[in-house]
Amino acid sequence: LKIGVWDGKAVGIDVTSTPKNDKLNAC
């Protein structure tokens, strides 16, 4: 995970999974 936090909330989120799983990343 890489998350940008502004004023107590996540405003930018990068998720990568290995093995790649788009459904997991979205969840």
PDB file of all heavy atoms in Angstrom:
ATOM      1  N   LEU A   1       0.832  -1.195   0.000  1.00  0.00           N
ATOM      2  CA  LEU A   1       0.000   0.000   0.000  1.00  0.00           C
ATOM      3  C   LEU A   1       0.867   1.245   0.000  1.00  0.00           C
ATOM      4  O   LEU A   1       1.914   1.280   0.650  1.00  0.00           O
ATOM      5  CB  LEU A   1      -0.854   0.054   1.276  1.00  0.00           C
ATOM      6  CG  LEU A   1      -1.740  -1.134   1.607  1.00  0.00           C
ATOM      7  CD1 LEU A   1      -2.340  -0.958   2.988  1.00  0.00           C
ATOM      8  CD2 LEU A   1      -2.831  -1.260   0.576  1.00  0.00           C
ATOM      9  N   LYS A   2       0.400   2.249  -0.693  1.00  0.00           N
ATOM     10  CA  LYS A   2       0.987   3.583  -0.601  1.00  0.00           C
ATOM     11  C   LYS A   2      -0.214   4.507  -0.535  1.00  0.00           C
ATOM     12  O   LYS A   2      -1.070   4.482  -1.426  1.00  0.00           O
ATOM     13  CB  LYS A   2       1.863   3.876  -1.816  1.00  0.00           C
ATOM     14  CG  LYS A   2       2.632   5.182  -1.698  1.00  0.00           C
ATOM     15  CD  LYS A   2       3.617   5.320  -2.842  1.00  0.00           C
ATOM     16  CE  LYS A   2       4.437   6.572  -2.709  1.00  0.00           C
ATOM     17  NZ  LYS A   2       5.384   6.706  -3.830  1.00  0.00           N
ATOM     18  N   ILE A   3      -0.289   5.278   0.550  1.00  0.00           N
ATOM     19  CA  ILE A   3      -1.482   6.085   0.796  1.00  0.00           C
ATOM     20  C   ILE A   3      -1.090   7.535   1.064  1.00  0.00           C
ATOM     21  O   ILE A   3      -0.193   7.803   1.870  1.00  0.00           O
ATOM     22  CB  ILE A   3      -2.260   5.529   2.015  1.00  0.00           C
ATOM     23  CG1 ILE A   3      -2.582   4.038   1.809  1.00  0.00           C
ATOM     24  CG2 ILE A   3      -3.534   6.330   2.265  1.00  0.00           C
ATOM     25  CD1 ILE A   3      -3.034   3.326   3.063  1.00  0.00           C
ATOM     26  N   GLY A   4      -1.784   8.448   0.391  1.00  0.00           N
ATOM     27  CA  GLY A   4      -1.636   9.870   0.662  1.00  0.00           C
ATOM     28  C   GLY A   4      -2.758  10.287   1.604  1.00  0.00           C
ATOM     29  O   GLY A   4      -3.926  10.055   1.308  1.00  0.00           O
ATOM     30  N   VAL A   5      -2.394  10.857   2.747  1.00  0.00           N
ATOM     31  CA  VAL A   5      -3.377  11.241   3.763  1.00  0.00           C
ATOM     32  C   VAL A   5      -3.416  12.763   3.877  1.00  0.00           C
ATOM     33  O   VAL A   5      -2.376  13.417   4.007  1.00  0.00           O
ATOM     34  CB  VAL A   5      -3.017  10.617   5.137  1.00  0.00           C
ATOM     35  CG1 VAL A   5      -4.027  11.023   6.206  1.00  0.00           C
ATOM     36  CG2 VAL A   5      -2.926   9.094   5.036  1.00  0.00           C
ATOM     37  N   TRP A   6      -4.636  13.317   3.820  1.00  0.00           N
ATOM     38  CA  TRP A   6      -4.850  14.771   3.960  1.00  0.00           C
ATOM     39  C   TRP A   6      -5.998  14.968   4.939  1.00  0.00           C
ATOM     40  O   TRP A   6      -7.085  14.415   4.736  1.00  0.00           O
ATOM     41  CB  TRP A   6      -5.195  15.378   2.607  1.00  0.00           C
ATOM     42  CG  TRP A   6      -5.452  16.867   2.632  1.00  0.00           C
ATOM     43  CD1 TRP A   6      -6.614  17.483   3.012  1.00  0.00           C
ATOM     44  CD2 TRP A   6      -4.561  17.915   2.274  1.00  0.00           C
ATOM     45  NE1 TRP A   6      -6.500  18.836   2.898  1.00  0.00           N
ATOM     46  CE2 TRP A   6      -5.242  19.138   2.453  1.00  0.00           C
ATOM     47  CE3 TRP A   6      -3.242  17.952   1.830  1.00  0.00           C
ATOM     48  CZ2 TRP A   6      -4.658  20.365   2.192  1.00  0.00           C
ATOM     49  CZ3 TRP A   6      -2.667  19.184   1.563  1.00  0.00           C
ATOM     50  CH2 TRP A   6      -3.362  20.370   1.747  1.00  0.00           C
ATOM     51  N   ASP A   7      -5.778  15.733   5.972  1.00  0.00           N
ATOM     52  CA  ASP A   7      -6.827  16.078   6.940  1.00  0.00           C
ATOM     53  C   ASP A   7      -7.555  14.832   7.484  1.00  0.00           C
ATOM     54  O   ASP A   7      -8.774  14.826   7.615  1.00  0.00           O
ATOM     55  CB  ASP A   7      -7.822  17.061   6.294  1.00  0.00           C
ATOM     56  CG  ASP A   7      -8.681  17.781   7.336  1.00  0.00           C
ATOM     57  OD1 ASP A   7      -8.290  17.838   8.515  1.00  0.00           O
ATOM     58  OD2 ASP A   7      -9.765  18.266   6.962  1.00  0.00           O
ATOM     59  N   GLY A   8      -6.778  13.795   7.767  1.00  0.00           N
ATOM     60  CA  GLY A   8      -7.346  12.602   8.394  1.00  0.00           C
ATOM     61  C   GLY A   8      -8.023  11.618   7.458  1.00  0.00           C
ATOM     62  O   GLY A   8      -8.622  10.647   7.904  1.00  0.00           O
ATOM     63  N   LYS A   9      -7.917  11.859   6.153  1.00  0.00           N
ATOM     64  CA  LYS A   9      -8.541  10.949   5.187  1.00  0.00           C
ATOM     65  C   LYS A   9      -7.555  10.553   4.089  1.00  0.00           C
ATOM     66  O   LYS A   9      -6.683  11.336   3.714  1.00  0.00           O
ATOM     67  CB  LYS A   9      -9.743  11.627   4.522  1.00  0.00           C
ATOM     68  CG  LYS A   9     -10.910  11.854   5.449  1.00  0.00           C
ATOM     69  CD  LYS A   9     -12.199  11.887   4.660  1.00  0.00           C
ATOM     70  CE  LYS A   9     -13.436  11.977   5.496  1.00  0.00           C
ATOM     71  NZ  LYS A   9     -13.578  11.010   6.539  1.00  0.00           N
ATOM     72  N   ALA A  10      -7.762   9.340   3.556  1.00  0.00           N
ATOM     73  CA  ALA A  10      -6.949   8.882   2.430  1.00  0.00           C
ATOM     74  C   ALA A  10      -7.442   9.582   1.165  1.00  0.00           C
ATOM     75  O   ALA A  10      -8.602   9.456   0.803  1.00  0.00           O
ATOM     76  CB  ALA A  10      -7.056   7.375   2.282  1.00  0.00           C
ATOM     77  N   VAL A  11      -6.558  10.333   0.504  1.00  0.00           N
ATOM     78  CA  VAL A  11      -6.943  11.057  -0.713  1.00  0.00           C
ATOM     79  C   VAL A  11      -6.284  10.470  -1.959  1.00  0.00           C
ATOM     80  O   VAL A  11      -6.691  10.755  -3.079  1.00  0.00           O
ATOM     81  CB  VAL A  11      -6.632  12.569  -0.607  1.00  0.00           C
ATOM     82  CG1 VAL A  11      -7.513  13.215   0.460  1.00  0.00           C
ATOM     83  CG2 VAL A  11      -5.162  12.829  -0.330  1.00  0.00           C
ATOM     84  N   GLY A  12      -5.263   9.663  -1.760  1.00  0.00           N
ATOM     85  CA  GLY A  12      -4.599   8.962  -2.854  1.00  0.00           C
ATOM     86  C   GLY A  12      -4.232   7.578  -2.368  1.00  0.00           C
ATOM     87  O   GLY A  12      -3.666   7.446  -1.284  1.00  0.00           O
ATOM     88  N   ILE A  13      -4.587   6.550  -3.137  1.00  0.00           N
ATOM     89  CA  ILE A  13      -4.322   5.181  -2.703  1.00  0.00           C
ATOM     90  C   ILE A  13      -3.758   4.376  -3.867  1.00  0.00           C
ATOM     91  O   ILE A  13      -4.350   4.323  -4.947  1.00  0.00           O
ATOM     92  CB  ILE A  13      -5.620   4.482  -2.206  1.00  0.00           C
ATOM     93  CG1 ILE A  13      -6.325   5.310  -1.128  1.00  0.00           C
ATOM     94  CG2 ILE A  13      -5.299   3.077  -1.689  1.00  0.00           C
ATOM     95  CD1 ILE A  13      -7.732   4.813  -0.787  1.00  0.00           C
ATOM     96  N   ASP A  14      -2.590   3.769  -3.631  1.00  0.00           N
ATOM     97  CA  ASP A  14      -2.006   2.840  -4.596  1.00  0.00           C
ATOM     98  C   ASP A  14      -1.955   1.474  -3.913  1.00  0.00           C
ATOM     99  O   ASP A  14      -1.435   1.356  -2.808  1.00  0.00           O
ATOM    100  CB  ASP A  14      -0.573   3.247  -4.969  1.00  0.00           C
ATOM    101  CG  ASP A  14      -0.506   4.609  -5.656  1.00  0.00           C
ATOM    102  OD1 ASP A  14      -1.509   5.032  -6.256  1.00  0.00           O
ATOM    103  OD2 ASP A  14       0.560   5.244  -5.579  1.00  0.00           O
ATOM    104  N   VAL A  15      -2.507   0.452  -4.563  1.00  0.00           N
ATOM    105  CA  VAL A  15      -2.487  -0.903  -4.021  1.00  0.00           C
ATOM    106  C   VAL A  15      -1.938  -1.839  -5.088  1.00  0.00           C
ATOM    107  O   VAL A  15      -2.386  -1.811  -6.232  1.00  0.00           O
ATOM    108  CB  VAL A  15      -3.908  -1.389  -3.634  1.00  0.00           C
ATOM    109  CG1 VAL A  15      -3.859  -2.800  -3.061  1.00  0.00           C
ATOM    110  CG2 VAL A  15      -4.565  -0.449  -2.639  1.00  0.00           C
ATOM    111  N   THR A  16      -0.948  -2.649  -4.721  1.00  0.00           N
ATOM    112  CA  THR A  16      -0.462  -3.687  -5.624  1.00  0.00           C
ATOM    113  C   THR A  16      -0.450  -4.997  -4.865  1.00  0.00           C
ATOM    114  O   THR A  16      -0.115  -5.025  -3.673  1.00  0.00           O
ATOM    115  CB  THR A  16       0.958  -3.388  -6.164  1.00  0.00           C
ATOM    116  OG1 THR A  16       1.819  -3.082  -5.075  1.00  0.00           O
ATOM    117  CG2 THR A  16       0.963  -2.232  -7.129  1.00  0.00           C
ATOM    118  N   SER A  17      -0.844  -6.049  -5.546  1.00  0.00           N
ATOM    119  CA  SER A  17      -0.844  -7.363  -4.910  1.00  0.00           C
ATOM    120  C   SER A  17      -0.013  -8.334  -5.741  1.00  0.00           C
ATOM    121  O   SER A  17       0.088  -8.201  -6.954  1.00  0.00           O
ATOM    122  CB  SER A  17      -2.271  -7.886  -4.758  1.00  0.00           C
ATOM    123  OG  SER A  17      -2.933  -7.890  -6.008  1.00  0.00           O
ATOM    124  N   THR A  18       0.590  -9.293  -5.043  1.00  0.00           N
ATOM    125  CA  THR A  18       1.361 -10.339  -5.689  1.00  0.00           C
ATOM    126  C   THR A  18       0.861 -11.666  -5.162  1.00  0.00           C
ATOM    127  O   THR A  18       0.937 -11.881  -3.952  1.00  0.00           O
ATOM    128  CB  THR A  18       2.870 -10.182  -5.362  1.00  0.00           C
ATOM    129  OG1 THR A  18       3.257  -8.829  -5.596  1.00  0.00           O
ATOM    130  CG2 THR A  18       3.714 -11.113  -6.204  1.00  0.00           C
ATOM    131  N   PRO A  19       0.324 -12.561  -5.983  1.00  0.00           N
ATOM    132  CA  PRO A  19       0.088 -12.368  -7.420  1.00  0.00           C
ATOM    133  C   PRO A  19      -0.968 -11.285  -7.668  1.00  0.00           C
ATOM    134  O   PRO A  19      -1.789 -11.026  -6.802  1.00  0.00           O
ATOM    135  CB  PRO A  19      -0.408 -13.747  -7.879  1.00  0.00           C
ATOM    136  CG  PRO A  19      -0.963 -14.390  -6.645  1.00  0.00           C
ATOM    137  CD  PRO A  19      -0.170 -13.845  -5.493  1.00  0.00           C
ATOM    138  N   LYS A  20      -0.908 -10.694  -8.871  1.00  0.00           N
ATOM    139  CA  LYS A  20      -1.811  -9.586  -9.203  1.00  0.00           C
ATOM    140  C   LYS A  20      -3.266 -10.032  -9.084  1.00  0.00           C
ATOM    141  O   LYS A  20      -3.653 -11.068  -9.608  1.00  0.00           O
ATOM    142  CB  LYS A  20      -1.516  -9.109 -10.629  1.00  0.00           C
ATOM    143  CG  LYS A  20      -2.235  -7.827 -10.988  1.00  0.00           C
ATOM    144  CD  LYS A  20      -1.775  -7.329 -12.341  1.00  0.00           C
ATOM    145  CE  LYS A  20      -2.260  -5.927 -12.586  1.00  0.00           C
ATOM    146  NZ  LYS A  20      -3.408  -5.775 -13.389  1.00  0.00           N
ATOM    147  N   ASN A  21      -4.056  -9.214  -8.367  1.00  0.00           N
ATOM    148  CA  ASN A  21      -5.471  -9.535  -8.161  1.00  0.00           C
ATOM    149  C   ASN A  21      -6.242  -8.215  -8.092  1.00  0.00           C
ATOM    150  O   ASN A  21      -6.288  -7.575  -7.052  1.00  0.00           O
ATOM    151  CB  ASN A  21      -5.629 -10.345  -6.862  1.00  0.00           C
ATOM    152  CG  ASN A  21      -7.058 -10.767  -6.602  1.00  0.00           C
ATOM    153  OD1 ASN A  21      -8.001 -10.118  -7.055  1.00  0.00           O
ATOM    154  ND2 ASN A  21      -7.221 -11.830  -5.849  1.00  0.00           N
ATOM    155  N   ASP A  22      -6.824  -7.806  -9.225  1.00  0.00           N
ATOM    156  CA  ASP A  22      -7.519  -6.519  -9.309  1.00  0.00           C
ATOM    157  C   ASP A  22      -8.703  -6.436  -8.351  1.00  0.00           C
ATOM    158  O   ASP A  22      -8.985  -5.375  -7.797  1.00  0.00           O
ATOM    159  CB  ASP A  22      -7.975  -6.238 -10.744  1.00  0.00           C
ATOM    160  CG  ASP A  22      -6.791  -6.005 -11.681  1.00  0.00           C
ATOM    161  OD1 ASP A  22      -5.720  -5.586 -11.190  1.00  0.00           O
ATOM    162  OD2 ASP A  22      -6.928  -6.250 -12.892  1.00  0.00           O
ATOM    163  N   LYS A  23      -9.401  -7.558  -8.165  1.00  0.00           N
ATOM    164  CA  LYS A  23     -10.561  -7.578  -7.260  1.00  0.00           C
ATOM    165  C   LYS A  23     -10.106  -7.320  -5.817  1.00  0.00           C
ATOM    166  O   LYS A  23     -10.724  -6.538  -5.089  1.00  0.00           O
ATOM    167  CB  LYS A  23     -11.259  -8.933  -7.379  1.00  0.00           C
ATOM    168  CG  LYS A  23     -12.656  -8.951  -6.834  1.00  0.00           C
ATOM    169  CD  LYS A  23     -13.332 -10.283  -7.163  1.00  0.00           C
ATOM    170  CE  LYS A  23     -14.616 -10.408  -6.372  1.00  0.00           C
ATOM    171  NZ  LYS A  23     -15.221 -11.722  -6.502  1.00  0.00           N
ATOM    172  N   LEU A  24      -9.026  -7.959  -5.420  1.00  0.00           N
ATOM    173  CA  LEU A  24      -8.454  -7.754  -4.084  1.00  0.00           C
ATOM    174  C   LEU A  24      -8.012  -6.303  -3.926  1.00  0.00           C
ATOM    175  O   LEU A  24      -8.316  -5.648  -2.920  1.00  0.00           O
ATOM    176  CB  LEU A  24      -7.273  -8.701  -3.858  1.00  0.00           C
ATOM    177  CG  LEU A  24      -6.433  -8.476  -2.602  1.00  0.00           C
ATOM    178  CD1 LEU A  24      -7.266  -8.663  -1.334  1.00  0.00           C
ATOM    179  CD2 LEU A  24      -5.235  -9.419  -2.575  1.00  0.00           C
ATOM    180  N   ASN A  25      -7.310  -5.765  -4.926  1.00  0.00           N
ATOM    181  CA  ASN A  25      -6.832  -4.377  -4.869  1.00  0.00           C
ATOM    182  C   ASN A  25      -7.993  -3.401  -4.688  1.00  0.00           C
ATOM    183  O   ASN A  25      -7.924  -2.485  -3.867  1.00  0.00           O
ATOM    184  CB  ASN A  25      -6.058  -4.018  -6.137  1.00  0.00           C
ATOM    185  CG  ASN A  25      -4.781  -4.819  -6.297  1.00  0.00           C
ATOM    186  OD1 ASN A  25      -4.404  -5.597  -5.421  1.00  0.00           O
ATOM    187  ND2 ASN A  25      -4.108  -4.651  -7.414  1.00  0.00           N
ATOM    188  N   ALA A  26      -9.074  -3.603  -5.443  1.00  0.00           N
ATOM    189  CA  ALA A  26     -10.244  -2.717  -5.356  1.00  0.00           C
ATOM    190  C   ALA A  26     -10.880  -2.812  -3.972  1.00  0.00           C
ATOM    191  O   ALA A  26     -11.272  -1.795  -3.390  1.00  0.00           O
ATOM    192  CB  ALA A  26     -11.253  -3.078  -6.434  1.00  0.00           C
ATOM    193  N   CYS A  27     -10.965  -4.017  -3.430  1.00  0.00           N
ATOM    194  CA  CYS A  27     -11.555  -4.214  -2.104  1.00  0.00           C
ATOM    195  C   CYS A  27     -10.714  -3.515  -1.031  1.00  0.00           C
ATOM    196  O   CYS A  27     -11.250  -2.819  -0.168  1.00  0.00           O
ATOM    197  CB  CYS A  27     -11.668  -5.708  -1.810  1.00  0.00           C
ATOM    198  SG  CYS A  27     -12.344  -6.071  -0.172  1.00  0.00           S
TER     199      CYS A  27
END
